[in-house]
N, C-alpha and C. Protein backbone atom coordinates (compact mmCIF):
# COMPACT_ATOMS: atom_id res chain seq x y z
N MET A 1 105.69 122.03 100.83
CA MET A 1 106.56 122.64 101.38
C MET A 1 106.11 120.50 102.16
N LEU A 2 105.29 120.10 102.32
CA LEU A 2 105.01 118.98 102.65
C LEU A 2 105.00 117.51 101.96
N LEU A 3 104.96 118.01 99.76
CA LEU A 3 106.05 117.37 99.55
C LEU A 3 106.78 116.73 99.77
N LEU A 4 108.23 117.56 99.78
CA LEU A 4 109.06 117.80 100.05
C LEU A 4 109.73 116.88 101.66
N GLN A 5 108.90 117.42 102.83
CA GLN A 5 108.85 116.63 104.03
C GLN A 5 109.07 115.33 103.42
N SER A 6 107.41 114.84 102.47
CA SER A 6 107.65 113.64 103.05
C SER A 6 108.29 112.58 101.81
N PHE A 7 108.64 113.22 100.16
CA PHE A 7 109.90 112.78 100.19
C PHE A 7 111.00 112.25 100.57
N ASN A 8 111.35 113.24 101.38
CA ASN A 8 112.61 113.65 102.11
C ASN A 8 112.37 112.25 102.69
N ALA A 9 111.30 112.21 103.73
CA ALA A 9 111.73 110.89 104.46
C ALA A 9 111.70 109.53 103.77
N VAL A 10 110.48 109.81 102.65
CA VAL A 10 111.12 107.66 101.34
C VAL A 10 112.60 108.07 101.34
N PHE A 11 112.60 109.30 100.37
CA PHE A 11 113.61 109.34 99.70
C PHE A 11 114.83 108.63 100.86
N GLY A 12 114.98 109.50 102.03
CA GLY A 12 116.04 109.22 102.77
C GLY A 12 115.89 107.49 103.66
N LYS A 13 114.95 107.20 103.42
CA LYS A 13 114.98 105.81 104.21
C LYS A 13 114.86 105.02 103.04
N ILE A 14 114.94 105.15 101.88
CA ILE A 14 115.41 103.92 100.57
C ILE A 14 115.83 104.55 99.90
N GLY A 15 116.76 105.94 99.81
CA GLY A 15 117.87 105.82 99.28
C GLY A 15 118.04 106.16 97.63
N ARG A 16 119.42 105.14 97.07
CA ARG A 16 119.82 104.82 96.20
C ARG A 16 119.24 102.99 96.54
N ILE A 17 119.27 102.50 97.35
CA ILE A 17 118.79 100.76 97.15
C ILE A 17 117.88 100.20 96.70
N ALA A 18 116.63 101.07 96.93
CA ALA A 18 115.80 100.99 95.74
C ALA A 18 115.62 100.75 94.13
N SER A 19 115.14 100.16 93.60
CA SER A 19 114.56 100.77 92.09
C SER A 19 114.25 101.68 92.28
N HIS A 20 114.18 102.33 90.32
CA HIS A 20 113.76 103.88 90.51
C HIS A 20 111.99 103.67 90.36
N GLU A 21 112.34 102.11 90.09
CA GLU A 21 110.26 101.75 89.70
C GLU A 21 109.70 101.73 91.13
N VAL A 22 110.79 101.36 92.04
CA VAL A 22 109.75 100.94 93.81
C VAL A 22 109.52 102.40 94.18
N ILE A 23 110.82 103.54 93.97
CA ILE A 23 111.16 104.96 94.64
C ILE A 23 110.22 105.47 94.00
N SER A 24 109.78 105.38 92.69
CA SER A 24 108.87 106.19 91.71
C SER A 24 107.35 106.25 92.20
N GLN A 25 107.23 104.45 92.56
CA GLN A 25 105.57 103.82 92.94
C GLN A 25 105.79 104.24 94.37
N LEU A 26 106.19 104.67 95.22
CA LEU A 26 106.24 104.78 96.68
C LEU A 26 105.75 106.48 96.33
N ILE A 27 106.60 107.49 95.83
CA ILE A 27 106.11 108.93 95.73
C ILE A 27 104.78 109.28 94.97
N LYS A 28 104.38 107.97 94.02
CA LYS A 28 103.45 108.30 93.38
C LYS A 28 102.15 108.26 94.64
N SER A 29 102.41 107.19 95.56
CA SER A 29 101.10 106.51 96.44
C SER A 29 101.15 107.42 97.65
N LYS A 30 102.69 107.72 98.15
CA LYS A 30 102.39 108.39 99.48
C LYS A 30 103.20 110.06 99.93
N CYS A 31 103.54 110.40 98.42
CA CYS A 31 104.04 111.93 98.56
C CYS A 31 103.13 112.63 97.69
N PHE A 32 102.79 112.13 96.46
CA PHE A 32 101.73 113.38 95.71
C PHE A 32 100.41 113.13 96.24
N PRO A 33 99.70 112.72 97.39
CA PRO A 33 98.36 112.69 98.12
C PRO A 33 98.58 113.68 98.56
N VAL A 34 99.73 113.93 99.31
CA VAL A 34 100.42 114.87 100.12
C VAL A 34 99.91 116.28 99.51
N LEU A 35 101.02 116.35 98.53
CA LEU A 35 100.57 117.60 97.74
C LEU A 35 99.41 117.96 97.18
N TYR A 36 98.70 117.18 96.43
CA TYR A 36 97.07 116.98 96.47
C TYR A 36 96.37 117.50 97.12
N TYR A 37 96.61 117.10 98.37
CA TYR A 37 95.55 117.15 99.02
C TYR A 37 95.06 118.59 99.36
N GLY A 38 93.76 118.90 99.23
CA GLY A 38 92.69 119.95 99.67
C GLY A 38 92.33 120.84 97.97
N PHE A 39 93.27 120.43 96.95
CA PHE A 39 93.06 121.19 95.53
C PHE A 39 92.24 121.30 95.53
N GLU A 40 91.31 120.58 95.62
CA GLU A 40 90.50 119.81 94.78
C GLU A 40 89.05 120.80 95.26
N ALA A 41 89.53 121.11 96.09
CA ALA A 41 88.13 121.99 96.80
C ALA A 41 88.55 123.72 96.49
N CYS A 42 89.78 123.99 95.53
CA CYS A 42 89.84 125.19 95.18
C CYS A 42 90.02 125.54 94.23
N PRO A 43 89.61 126.99 93.61
CA PRO A 43 90.42 127.10 92.44
C PRO A 43 91.97 127.61 92.14
N LEU A 44 92.21 127.32 90.82
CA LEU A 44 93.73 127.46 90.71
C LEU A 44 93.72 128.22 89.58
N ARG A 45 94.91 128.36 89.92
CA ARG A 45 95.74 129.53 88.28
C ARG A 45 96.54 128.74 87.69
N LYS A 46 96.85 129.11 86.70
CA LYS A 46 97.93 128.59 85.63
C LYS A 46 99.29 128.54 86.46
N LEU A 47 99.67 129.39 86.96
CA LEU A 47 101.09 129.99 87.95
C LEU A 47 100.69 129.07 88.82
N GLN A 48 99.60 128.54 89.66
CA GLN A 48 99.84 127.76 90.54
C GLN A 48 100.00 126.26 90.44
N TYR A 49 99.13 126.14 88.93
CA TYR A 49 100.03 124.91 88.37
C TYR A 49 101.13 124.46 88.32
N ASN A 50 102.11 125.63 88.00
CA ASN A 50 103.06 125.47 87.41
C ASN A 50 104.20 125.36 88.35
N SER A 51 103.81 125.60 89.57
CA SER A 51 104.85 125.48 90.85
C SER A 51 104.27 124.19 91.15
N ILE A 52 103.09 123.62 91.14
CA ILE A 52 102.79 122.32 91.88
C ILE A 52 103.96 121.23 90.67
N ASN A 53 103.49 121.38 89.22
CA ASN A 53 104.63 120.74 88.30
C ASN A 53 105.93 120.59 88.81
N TYR A 54 106.78 122.45 88.66
CA TYR A 54 108.22 122.24 88.92
C TYR A 54 108.41 121.42 90.02
N VAL A 55 107.67 121.48 91.18
CA VAL A 55 107.75 120.03 92.43
C VAL A 55 107.83 118.80 92.09
N ILE A 56 106.91 118.69 91.60
CA ILE A 56 106.72 117.26 90.67
C ILE A 56 108.31 116.59 89.65
N ASN A 57 108.60 117.52 89.25
CA ASN A 57 109.89 117.47 87.68
C ASN A 57 110.93 117.94 88.82
N SER A 58 111.12 118.45 90.15
CA SER A 58 112.15 118.48 90.85
C SER A 58 112.05 116.87 91.94
N THR A 59 110.96 116.63 91.89
CA THR A 59 110.80 115.17 92.37
C THR A 59 111.65 114.31 91.69
N PHE A 60 111.50 114.62 90.59
CA PHE A 60 112.02 113.16 89.36
C PHE A 60 113.35 113.40 88.70
N ARG A 61 113.86 114.57 89.38
CA ARG A 61 115.08 114.91 88.95
C ARG A 61 116.08 114.26 89.93
N LYS A 62 115.82 114.07 91.04
CA LYS A 62 116.53 113.98 91.74
C LYS A 62 116.66 112.23 92.65
N ILE A 63 115.51 111.92 92.12
CA ILE A 63 115.28 110.35 91.83
C ILE A 63 116.26 109.80 90.66
N PHE A 64 116.30 110.35 89.84
CA PHE A 64 116.92 110.11 88.56
C PHE A 64 118.27 110.73 88.63
N ASN A 65 118.85 111.58 89.07
CA ASN A 65 119.65 112.23 89.42
C ASN A 65 120.52 112.89 87.81
N THR A 66 119.45 113.84 87.69
CA THR A 66 119.15 114.16 85.94
C THR A 66 119.10 116.10 85.81
N ARG A 67 119.38 116.44 85.28
CA ARG A 67 119.15 118.01 85.26
C ARG A 67 118.09 118.23 83.27
N SER A 68 117.54 117.52 83.24
CA SER A 68 117.30 117.40 81.87
C SER A 68 115.42 117.34 82.15
N GLN A 69 115.41 117.97 81.35
CA GLN A 69 113.48 117.91 81.81
C GLN A 69 113.28 117.03 80.67
N GLU A 70 114.07 116.71 79.71
CA GLU A 70 112.91 115.79 78.84
C GLU A 70 114.07 114.67 79.22
N VAL A 71 114.60 114.02 80.14
CA VAL A 71 114.60 112.86 80.88
C VAL A 71 113.55 112.54 81.65
N VAL A 72 113.29 114.07 82.49
CA VAL A 72 112.20 114.19 83.98
C VAL A 72 110.52 113.88 82.83
N ASP A 73 110.20 114.56 81.46
CA ASP A 73 109.26 113.93 80.93
C ASP A 73 109.43 112.74 80.60
N ILE A 74 110.43 111.95 80.05
CA ILE A 74 110.17 110.59 79.53
C ILE A 74 109.74 110.01 80.76
N CYS A 75 110.24 110.15 81.43
CA CYS A 75 110.27 109.37 82.89
C CYS A 75 109.07 109.52 83.84
N LEU A 76 108.21 110.79 83.51
CA LEU A 76 107.13 110.96 84.28
C LEU A 76 106.20 110.61 83.29
N GLU A 77 106.37 109.89 82.16
CA GLU A 77 105.44 109.25 80.85
C GLU A 77 105.70 107.90 81.54
N VAL A 78 106.29 107.11 81.42
CA VAL A 78 107.21 105.65 81.72
C VAL A 78 106.35 105.37 83.01
N PHE A 79 106.36 106.23 84.26
CA PHE A 79 105.57 105.96 85.41
C PHE A 79 104.30 106.69 85.52
N ASN A 80 103.40 106.95 84.03
CA ASN A 80 102.12 107.28 84.64
C ASN A 80 101.42 108.44 85.48
N CYS A 81 102.96 109.58 85.34
CA CYS A 81 103.13 110.39 86.44
C CYS A 81 102.16 111.48 85.46
N LEU A 82 100.89 111.86 85.86
CA LEU A 82 100.03 112.75 85.14
C LEU A 82 99.91 114.48 85.64
N PRO A 83 100.49 115.28 84.73
CA PRO A 83 100.60 116.52 85.05
C PRO A 83 99.89 117.01 86.06
N ALA A 84 99.95 118.07 87.12
CA ALA A 84 98.85 118.52 88.21
C ALA A 84 97.97 118.75 87.68
N GLU A 85 97.26 119.73 86.76
CA GLU A 85 95.89 119.67 85.72
C GLU A 85 95.71 119.20 86.11
N LYS A 86 95.84 117.95 85.30
CA LYS A 86 94.82 116.44 85.04
C LYS A 86 94.48 115.92 86.29
N ALA A 87 95.39 116.10 87.19
CA ALA A 87 95.40 114.62 88.61
C ALA A 87 94.85 115.37 89.64
N ILE A 88 94.30 117.26 89.15
CA ILE A 88 93.76 117.97 90.03
C ILE A 88 92.45 117.88 89.97
N ALA A 89 92.13 117.89 88.03
CA ALA A 89 91.23 117.76 87.54
C ALA A 89 90.23 116.24 88.20
N ILE A 90 91.08 115.14 88.37
CA ILE A 90 90.42 113.90 88.53
C ILE A 90 90.00 113.74 89.56
N ARG A 91 90.80 114.54 90.93
CA ARG A 91 90.53 114.40 92.22
C ARG A 91 88.81 115.54 92.28
N LYS A 92 89.44 116.34 91.41
CA LYS A 92 88.29 117.58 91.72
C LYS A 92 86.36 116.92 90.85
N ARG A 93 86.58 115.99 89.90
CA ARG A 93 85.72 115.27 89.55
C ARG A 93 85.15 114.47 90.83
N ASN A 94 86.16 113.90 91.42
CA ASN A 94 85.79 112.26 92.60
C ASN A 94 85.29 113.81 93.49
N PHE A 95 85.65 114.67 93.84
CA PHE A 95 84.95 115.17 95.24
C PHE A 95 84.08 116.20 94.73
N LEU A 96 83.66 116.25 93.77
CA LEU A 96 82.20 117.32 93.49
C LEU A 96 81.17 115.81 92.97
N ASN A 97 81.39 114.81 92.99
CA ASN A 97 80.28 113.87 92.75
C ASN A 97 80.56 113.50 93.74
N LYS A 98 81.05 113.04 94.61
CA LYS A 98 80.61 112.96 96.73
C LYS A 98 79.47 113.75 96.72
N PHE A 99 80.67 114.93 96.47
CA PHE A 99 79.44 116.41 97.60
C PHE A 99 78.22 116.59 96.88
N CYS A 100 77.87 116.46 95.37
CA CYS A 100 76.61 116.18 95.17
C CYS A 100 75.62 115.72 95.49
N VAL A 101 75.89 114.64 96.06
CA VAL A 101 75.09 113.71 96.35
C VAL A 101 74.91 113.16 98.00
N THR A 102 75.94 114.40 98.34
CA THR A 102 75.83 114.06 100.22
C THR A 102 74.28 114.82 100.65
N ASN A 103 74.04 114.67 102.13
CA ASN A 103 72.81 114.79 102.26
C ASN A 103 73.12 115.44 103.60
N ASN A 104 74.45 116.38 103.65
CA ASN A 104 74.66 117.63 104.30
C ASN A 104 74.06 118.87 103.92
N GLU A 105 72.39 119.57 105.23
CA GLU A 105 72.50 120.65 104.69
C GLU A 105 72.93 121.80 104.36
N LEU A 106 74.48 122.25 104.77
CA LEU A 106 75.29 123.25 104.21
C LEU A 106 75.97 122.83 102.85
N CYS A 107 75.77 121.87 102.03
CA CYS A 107 76.49 121.55 101.00
C CYS A 107 75.12 121.60 100.65
N GLU A 108 73.73 121.34 100.87
CA GLU A 108 72.83 121.70 100.38
C GLU A 108 72.67 122.97 99.38
N LEU A 109 73.63 123.79 99.96
CA LEU A 109 73.20 125.17 99.62
C LEU A 109 74.30 125.86 97.97
N PHE A 110 74.98 124.88 98.58
CA PHE A 110 75.92 124.86 97.12
C PHE A 110 76.06 124.13 96.10
N ILE A 111 75.21 123.22 96.58
CA ILE A 111 75.02 121.87 95.05
C ILE A 111 74.84 122.42 93.66
N ASP A 112 73.87 123.69 93.26
CA ASP A 112 74.01 123.76 92.33
C ASP A 112 75.73 124.70 92.18
N HIS A 113 76.04 125.20 92.11
CA HIS A 113 77.15 125.57 91.97
C HIS A 113 78.26 124.90 91.77
N ALA A 114 78.08 122.99 92.70
CA ALA A 114 78.69 122.12 92.67
C ALA A 114 78.36 121.04 91.47
N LYS A 115 77.36 121.13 91.24
CA LYS A 115 77.37 120.88 89.90
C LYS A 115 77.33 121.49 88.38
N LYS A 116 77.02 123.14 88.80
CA LYS A 116 77.67 123.40 87.10
C LYS A 116 78.93 123.32 87.36
N GLU A 117 79.92 123.29 88.19
CA GLU A 117 81.71 123.01 87.94
C GLU A 117 81.70 121.97 87.65
N LEU A 118 81.00 120.96 87.84
CA LEU A 118 81.30 119.75 87.51
C LEU A 118 81.08 119.22 85.59
N ALA A 119 79.97 120.00 85.31
CA ALA A 119 79.79 120.14 84.62
C ALA A 119 80.42 120.68 83.44
N THR A 120 81.35 121.48 83.77
CA THR A 120 82.36 122.20 83.25
C THR A 120 83.81 121.77 83.34
N LEU A 121 83.83 121.08 84.17
CA LEU A 121 84.67 119.86 84.13
C LEU A 121 85.37 118.84 83.65
N LEU A 122 84.21 118.47 83.25
CA LEU A 122 83.52 116.81 82.31
C LEU A 122 83.61 117.69 81.07
N ALA A 123 83.35 118.86 80.58
CA ALA A 123 83.33 119.16 79.35
C ALA A 123 85.05 118.84 79.04
N ASP A 124 85.73 120.03 80.44
CA ASP A 124 87.40 119.60 80.00
C ASP A 124 88.32 118.68 79.90
N ILE A 125 87.58 117.60 80.91
CA ILE A 125 88.70 116.14 80.40
C ILE A 125 88.18 115.61 78.81
C-alpha cells in the first residue's frame, strides 16, 4: 500500500513528462525503499516474496504502459532492479552486520541467532 502511495505521488507529479529512465530511477530510489522497509528484520515466505514482486512488476507495467511480463522482465533487467528476494537479502545482510556489532545490551541477547542467520544468508547469496 505504501509503495502504491509513494509511486502515485511520484508518477502523479512527473507523469509522462519525464523519460522512462528518470521515472525508473526515481521509483528505485524513492519508492522501493518504502516497500522494503522493515523486511530485513522479518522472516518472509515465498508467497510474500511473490506479492512484493507482483507490486514491482505492476509498477513497471504502469511506467511502460504494457501488459507483457516479458517486457517488464527486460525493463527490470535494463534498469537493474533486483527481484525482491535478492534486494531483501542484501538489506538483511547489511542489517545483520550492523546488528552484530552493536553495543546494545538487548541486541546482545540475540547476537548468536543473528550470526547464525547471517552465516546462512551469506551461504545463500
